[in-house]
Amino acid sequence: MDKTTLVGQIMTTDVITVAPNDTMDKIRDIFNRHPIHHVPVQDNGKVVGIISETDYLKLVNTFTVFRTTHSEAYNDALLHALLVREVMTRQVATIFPEDSVEIAAGYFRENLFRALPVVNRNGTLVGIVTTYDLLNFAFS
């Protein structure tokens, strides 16, 4: 593995995002339809948060231990009422496409992150790099 390889060379550029005022049912739909685990939250082109699939699952499983017709209806109402901004992680570490994969790996190891939004020098989202991207790079 060449540690000098740049994040921009291995990142995913086709990123699905949401806005802070979107409802959590949009997050549910994204996780149900796409094989992803992290959704950056953007406001005016800037990353202001992130929601992981784990965050979403904690939310829907907190109040409904047993799956019943009523619990599903409750979750639907909950997801329709909650806004992304009420659930998202606000303090999001980001990385630049010019940073090396070694720097990304350091972020992942030190902080137990599994995804980092990639932004340009203006703070605009240009991609996302995940531990999966690093594994694919290291072992391909």
Protein backbone atom coordinates (compact mmCIF):
# COMPACT_ATOMS: atom_id res chain seq x y z
CA MET A 1 0.00 0.00 0.00
CA ASP A 2 1.41 3.36 -1.03
CA LYS A 3 0.81 5.68 1.91
CA THR A 4 1.35 8.72 -0.31
CA THR A 5 -1.75 7.94 -2.37
CA LEU A 6 -4.22 10.80 -2.04
CA VAL A 7 -7.70 10.54 -0.53
CA GLY A 8 -9.06 12.04 -3.76
CA GLN A 9 -7.85 8.94 -5.63
CA ILE A 10 -9.82 6.47 -3.52
CA MET A 11 -12.85 8.44 -2.27
CA THR A 12 -16.41 7.91 -3.41
CA THR A 13 -17.58 10.94 -5.38
CA ASP A 14 -21.22 10.02 -5.95
CA VAL A 15 -22.38 11.01 -2.47
CA ILE A 16 -26.01 10.98 -1.34
CA THR A 17 -26.68 13.89 1.00
CA VAL A 18 -29.57 15.38 2.94
CA ALA A 19 -30.39 18.81 4.33
CA PRO A 20 -30.88 19.66 8.02
CA ASN A 21 -34.62 20.25 7.50
CA ASP A 22 -35.24 16.92 5.76
CA THR A 23 -37.19 14.43 7.82
CA MET A 24 -35.74 11.20 9.12
CA ASP A 25 -38.02 9.18 6.88
CA LYS A 26 -35.82 10.38 4.01
CA ILE A 27 -32.86 8.84 5.85
CA ARG A 28 -34.80 5.58 6.23
CA ASP A 29 -35.50 5.55 2.50
CA ILE A 30 -31.85 6.19 1.66
CA PHE A 31 -30.60 3.36 3.88
CA ASN A 32 -33.29 1.02 2.53
CA ARG A 33 -32.48 1.75 -1.12
CA HIS A 34 -28.70 2.19 -1.17
CA PRO A 35 -25.84 0.06 0.16
CA ILE A 36 -24.34 2.91 2.21
CA HIS A 37 -23.86 3.51 5.93
CA HIS A 38 -23.24 7.28 6.21
CA VAL A 39 -25.12 10.29 4.88
CA PRO A 40 -23.49 13.73 5.07
CA VAL A 41 -25.80 16.63 5.93
CA GLN A 42 -25.28 19.76 3.83
CA ASP A 43 -26.51 23.30 4.25
CA ASN A 44 -25.70 25.78 1.48
CA GLY A 45 -23.09 23.38 0.12
CA LYS A 46 -21.25 23.02 3.42
CA VAL A 47 -21.10 19.88 5.56
CA VAL A 48 -22.90 20.61 8.83
CA GLY A 49 -23.43 17.07 10.09
CA ILE A 50 -23.52 13.38 9.35
CA ILE A 51 -25.93 10.54 10.09
CA SER A 52 -24.75 6.96 10.27
CA GLU A 53 -26.88 3.90 9.81
CA THR A 54 -26.08 3.09 13.44
CA ASP A 55 -27.58 6.46 14.51
CA TYR A 56 -30.70 5.66 12.52
CA LEU A 57 -31.03 2.11 13.91
CA LYS A 58 -30.60 3.33 17.49
CA LEU A 59 -33.44 5.75 16.89
CA VAL A 60 -35.92 3.24 15.48
CA ASN A 61 -35.01 0.50 17.93
CA THR A 62 -35.04 2.59 21.11
CA PHE A 63 -38.77 2.53 21.67
CA THR A 64 -39.80 -0.62 19.84
CA VAL A 65 -38.23 -3.74 21.25
CA PHE A 66 -40.86 -6.01 19.68
CA ARG A 67 -41.96 -5.61 16.08
CA THR A 68 -45.72 -5.16 15.96
CA THR A 69 -48.13 -3.34 13.69
CA HIS A 70 -48.34 -0.56 16.25
CA SER A 71 -44.59 -0.22 16.63
CA GLU A 72 -44.13 0.14 12.89
CA ALA A 73 -46.80 2.85 12.77
CA TYR A 74 -45.14 4.57 15.71
CA ASN A 75 -41.74 4.48 13.96
CA ASP A 76 -43.27 5.86 10.77
CA ALA A 77 -44.79 8.77 12.68
CA LEU A 78 -41.56 9.35 14.59
CA LEU A 79 -39.43 9.37 11.43
CA HIS A 80 -41.85 11.71 9.70
CA ALA A 81 -41.81 14.15 12.64
CA LEU A 82 -38.08 14.22 13.43
CA LEU A 83 -35.80 16.44 11.41
CA VAL A 84 -32.31 15.41 10.36
CA ARG A 85 -30.84 18.34 12.33
CA GLU A 86 -32.29 16.87 15.54
CA VAL A 87 -30.49 13.57 15.09
CA MET A 88 -27.30 14.30 13.13
CA THR A 89 -23.84 14.38 14.63
CA ARG A 90 -22.88 18.03 14.40
CA GLN A 91 -19.17 17.97 14.98
CA VAL A 92 -17.92 16.35 11.82
CA ALA A 93 -14.28 15.81 11.04
CA THR A 94 -13.52 16.35 7.37
CA ILE A 95 -10.53 15.67 5.18
CA PHE A 96 -9.18 17.19 1.96
CA PRO A 97 -8.76 15.28 -1.32
CA GLU A 98 -5.06 16.28 -1.26
CA ASP A 99 -4.50 14.54 2.09
CA SER A 100 -2.82 11.15 2.02
CA VAL A 101 -4.55 7.88 2.79
CA GLU A 102 -2.15 7.63 5.73
CA ILE A 103 -3.76 10.74 7.24
CA ALA A 104 -7.23 9.26 6.66
CA ALA A 105 -6.18 6.00 8.30
CA GLY A 106 -4.88 7.97 11.26
CA TYR A 107 -8.25 9.71 11.68
CA PHE A 108 -10.03 6.35 11.54
CA ARG A 109 -7.68 4.72 14.08
CA GLU A 110 -7.57 7.60 16.55
CA ASN A 111 -11.26 8.48 16.53
CA LEU A 112 -12.93 5.18 15.61
CA PHE A 113 -14.59 6.92 12.66
CA ARG A 114 -15.82 4.83 9.77
CA ALA A 115 -16.42 7.68 7.31
CA LEU A 116 -15.02 11.12 6.60
CA PRO A 117 -16.64 13.67 4.30
CA VAL A 118 -14.07 15.01 1.83
CA VAL A 119 -14.23 18.77 1.25
CA ASN A 120 -12.33 21.18 -0.94
CA ARG A 121 -10.53 24.25 0.44
CA ASN A 122 -13.83 26.19 0.29
CA GLY A 123 -15.49 23.61 2.54
CA THR A 124 -17.69 22.21 -0.25
CA LEU A 125 -18.35 18.47 -0.20
CA VAL A 126 -16.55 16.64 -3.02
CA GLY A 127 -16.71 13.05 -1.78
CA ILE A 128 -16.61 10.68 1.15
CA VAL A 129 -13.94 8.22 2.21
CA THR A 130 -14.77 5.22 4.36
CA THR A 131 -12.89 2.41 6.00
CA TYR A 132 -14.28 0.25 3.20
CA ASP A 133 -12.58 2.50 0.63
CA LEU A 134 -9.30 2.12 2.51
CA LEU A 135 -9.66 -1.67 2.64
CA ASN A 136 -10.41 -1.82 -1.08
CA PHE A 137 -7.36 0.33 -1.78
CA ALA A 138 -5.07 -1.69 0.48
CA PHE A 139 -6.14 -5.08 -0.83
CA SER A 140 -6.83 -4.54 -4.52
